[in-house]
Protein backbone atom coordinates (compact mmCIF):
# COMPACT_ATOMS: atom_id res chain seq x y z
CA MET A 1 -14.32 5.53 17.18
CA LYS A 2 -12.28 8.65 17.62
CA THR A 3 -11.95 9.75 21.19
CA THR A 4 -10.34 12.56 23.08
CA THR A 5 -9.31 12.61 26.67
CA SER A 6 -10.31 15.34 29.03
CA LYS A 7 -8.26 16.51 31.99
CA LYS A 8 -10.05 14.10 34.32
CA GLY A 9 -9.12 11.12 32.15
CA LYS A 10 -12.66 10.45 30.91
CA ARG A 11 -13.15 9.72 27.26
CA ILE A 12 -15.43 11.90 25.22
CA THR A 13 -16.57 10.39 21.95
CA GLU A 14 -16.57 12.50 18.84
CA LYS A 15 -18.62 12.16 15.68
CA ARG A 16 -17.40 9.43 13.37
CA TYR A 17 -18.21 9.60 9.69
CA ASP A 18 -18.04 7.08 6.87
CA ILE A 19 -15.46 9.33 5.22
CA SER A 20 -12.18 10.74 6.44
CA VAL A 21 -12.08 13.92 8.47
CA LYS A 22 -10.07 15.59 5.72
CA ALA A 23 -12.67 14.75 3.07
CA TYR A 24 -15.52 15.84 5.34
CA ASN A 25 -13.82 19.15 6.06
CA ASP A 26 -13.20 19.64 2.34
CA PHE A 27 -16.85 19.03 1.49
CA THR A 28 -18.14 21.34 4.22
CA SER A 29 -15.77 24.14 3.26
CA ARG A 30 -16.77 23.84 -0.39
CA ILE A 31 -20.46 23.91 0.51
CA ARG A 32 -20.03 26.91 2.79
CA SER A 33 -18.02 28.84 0.21
CA VAL A 34 -20.50 28.20 -2.61
CA LEU A 35 -23.65 28.81 -0.59
CA ALA A 36 -22.35 31.62 1.59
CA THR A 37 -25.14 33.98 0.49
CA ASP A 38 -28.00 31.52 1.05
CA LYS A 39 -27.83 30.35 4.66
CA ILE A 40 -30.93 28.11 4.48
CA ALA A 41 -29.68 26.23 1.41
CA CYS A 42 -26.25 25.86 3.05
CA GLU A 43 -27.80 24.30 6.17
CA GLN A 44 -29.90 21.96 4.05
CA VAL A 45 -26.90 20.75 2.03
CA LEU A 46 -24.88 20.23 5.22
CA GLN A 47 -27.74 18.16 6.67
CA LEU A 48 -27.86 16.11 3.45
CA LEU A 49 -24.09 15.62 3.67
CA GLU A 50 -24.24 14.44 7.27
CA ALA A 51 -27.11 12.08 6.47
CA SER A 52 -25.23 10.61 3.51
CA VAL A 53 -21.99 10.02 5.44
CA GLY A 54 -23.74 8.13 8.18
CA HIS A 55 -24.14 10.69 10.91
CA GLY A 56 -27.38 12.49 10.49
CA ASP A 57 -29.16 13.56 13.66
CA LYS A 58 -31.85 15.06 11.49
CA THR A 59 -32.75 13.17 8.37
CA ILE A 60 -33.89 15.33 5.52
CA ASN A 61 -35.46 14.43 2.21
CA ILE A 62 -33.82 15.98 -0.82
CA ASP A 63 -37.23 16.78 -2.31
CA ASP A 64 -38.00 19.04 0.65
CA CYS A 65 -34.90 21.16 0.01
CA SER A 66 -34.61 24.29 -2.10
CA ILE A 67 -33.54 24.04 -5.74
CA LYS A 68 -30.11 25.51 -4.89
CA ALA A 69 -29.56 22.88 -2.22
CA GLN A 70 -30.67 20.06 -4.52
CA ILE A 71 -28.30 21.19 -7.28
CA ALA A 72 -25.36 21.73 -4.93
CA PHE A 73 -25.79 18.34 -3.26
CA SER A 74 -26.32 16.45 -6.51
CA MET A 75 -23.07 17.95 -7.86
CA ILE A 76 -20.98 16.55 -4.98
CA LYS A 77 -22.97 13.33 -4.42
CA LEU A 78 -20.68 11.24 -6.65
CA GLU A 79 -17.58 12.56 -4.90
CA ILE A 80 -19.13 11.71 -1.52
CA GLU A 81 -19.83 8.14 -2.68
CA LYS A 82 -16.25 7.77 -3.92
CA ALA A 83 -14.93 9.07 -0.59
CA ILE A 84 -17.12 6.60 1.32
CA LYS A 85 -15.85 3.71 -0.79
CA ARG A 86 -12.24 4.87 -0.44
CA SER A 87 -12.52 5.18 3.34
CA LYS A 88 -14.19 1.79 3.63
CA THR A 89 -11.39 0.04 1.75
CA ALA A 90 -8.75 1.96 3.72
CA ARG A 91 -10.32 0.91 7.01
CA GLU A 92 -10.50 -2.72 5.87
CA ARG A 93 -6.87 -2.61 4.77
CA ALA A 94 -5.79 -1.07 8.07
CA GLY A 95 -7.74 -3.71 9.99
CA ARG A 96 -6.12 -6.54 8.05
CA LYS A 97 -2.68 -5.00 8.49
CA LYS A 98 -3.23 -4.56 12.21
CA ALA A 99 -4.50 -8.13 12.58
CA THR A 100 -1.53 -9.62 10.74
CA ALA A 101 0.91 -7.41 12.63
CA THR A 102 -0.44 -8.50 16.00
CA ALA A 103 -0.46 -12.14 14.92
CA GLU A 104 3.12 -11.92 13.67
CA ALA A 105 4.24 -10.07 16.78
CA ALA A 106 2.74 -12.74 18.99
CA THR A 107 4.38 -15.64 17.13
CA ALA A 108 7.66 -14.11 15.99
CA THR A 109 10.77 -13.83 18.06
CA PRO A 110 13.01 -10.83 17.51
CA PRO A 111 15.98 -11.70 15.28
CA LEU A 112 19.47 -11.18 16.56
CA THR A 113 21.31 -8.44 14.75
CA MET A 114 25.01 -8.13 14.18
CA PRO A 115 27.09 -5.23 12.93
CA GLU A 116 27.27 -4.66 9.18
CA LYS A 117 30.99 -5.45 8.94
CA GLU A 118 30.51 -8.85 10.56
CA LYS A 119 27.56 -9.57 8.27
CA THR A 120 29.52 -8.78 5.12
CA GLU A 121 32.52 -10.78 6.32
CA GLN A 122 30.31 -13.76 7.08
CA ASP A 123 28.47 -13.41 3.75
CA ASN A 124 31.79 -13.30 1.87
CA ALA A 125 33.07 -16.32 3.77
CA ALA A 126 29.84 -18.19 3.08
CA LYS A 127 30.06 -17.36 -0.63
CA ASN A 128 33.62 -18.61 -0.78
CA LEU A 129 32.64 -21.84 0.94
CA THR A 130 29.54 -22.44 -1.15
CA SER A 131 31.00 -21.61 -4.55
CA PRO A 132 32.46 -24.84 -5.96
CA SER A 133 35.97 -24.79 -7.35
CA PRO A 134 36.53 -26.22 -10.85
CA GLU A 135 38.61 -29.13 -9.53
CA VAL A 136 35.92 -30.37 -7.16
CA GLU A 137 33.08 -32.47 -8.53
CA ALA A 138 29.60 -31.10 -8.10
CA THR A 139 27.80 -32.87 -5.29
CA PRO A 140 24.06 -32.86 -4.89
CA GLU A 141 23.08 -30.36 -2.25
CA VAL A 142 20.23 -30.72 0.16
CA GLU A 143 17.84 -27.81 -0.09
CA ALA A 144 17.68 -25.87 3.11
CA ALA A 145 14.36 -24.80 4.52
CA PRO A 146 13.70 -21.14 3.77
CA GLU A 147 14.47 -18.94 6.74
CA SER A 148 11.85 -16.55 7.92
CA THR A 149 13.16 -13.11 7.11
CA PRO A 150 12.36 -10.31 9.50
CA TYR A 151 10.04 -7.62 8.22
CA LEU A 152 11.98 -4.59 7.08
CA SER A 153 10.50 -1.16 6.81
CA ARG A 154 10.39 0.56 3.46
CA ARG A 155 13.33 2.75 4.40
CA GLU A 156 15.42 -0.28 5.43
CA ARG A 157 14.54 -2.16 2.23
CA ARG A 158 15.53 0.80 0.09
CA LYS A 159 18.74 1.24 2.06
CA ARG A 160 19.57 -2.43 1.57
CA SER A 161 18.81 -2.37 -2.16
CA TRP A 162 20.93 0.76 -2.71
CA ARG A 163 23.78 -0.78 -0.74
CA GLU A 164 23.61 -3.91 -2.91
CA PHE A 165 23.46 -1.76 -6.04
CA ARG A 166 26.53 0.22 -5.00
CA LEU A 167 28.43 -2.97 -4.18
CA ARG A 168 27.56 -4.48 -7.58
CA LYS A 169 28.59 -1.27 -9.32
CA LYS A 170 31.86 -1.16 -7.39
CA ALA A 171 32.56 -4.82 -8.23
CA ALA A 172 31.83 -4.17 -11.91
CA LYS A 173 34.21 -1.20 -11.99
CA LYS A 174 36.88 -3.30 -10.29
CA GLU A 175 36.39 -6.05 -12.87
CA ILE A 176 36.72 -3.55 -15.73
CA ARG A 177 39.84 -2.08 -14.16
CA GLU A 178 41.39 -5.55 -13.82
CA GLN A 179 40.57 -6.38 -17.45
CA ARG A 180 42.22 -3.16 -18.61
CA GLU A 181 45.31 -3.93 -16.55
CA LYS A 182 45.50 -7.40 -18.12
CA GLN A 183 45.19 -5.92 -21.58
CA MET A 184 47.92 -3.38 -20.84
CA GLN A 185 50.25 -6.15 -19.63
CA GLN A 186 49.80 -8.15 -22.84
């Protein structure tokens, strides 16, 4: 439930709807702009809207409303239902994400980080050690247990993928340059 804090530190609860605040504000502004000339119909449609989104202090039957109010509400009823469904799935998704994040935070230990230069030097050294030379026979390797990788934000994942892309591109250009030099020497 959305809350605000007053100066004394007490919490005051606000209205909570089955749809987002943005969608609710959009619907109310559309209703008010269309029915600006008919104040009674506007009030009736707003009451129908509040009743349909789960916060109706006064329940109102659509048959008791004016024809203008019935038409206006029936035109936006499908959009209201879509907004309710969208908000419900978003809240469920946020709840699942929050639950998994708290569970992972409780069980995970923060990984140690090292500077990028040291990482690349260690990765290069590891590649050199793990790549078999042609003279050495292939020996069966024991599969290592997969390490738990730390969660990276979208920005960090993109940064990493671009860095890998640039390194591959640089290596490919270097390979082409070396091939050209070999051809020129022959």
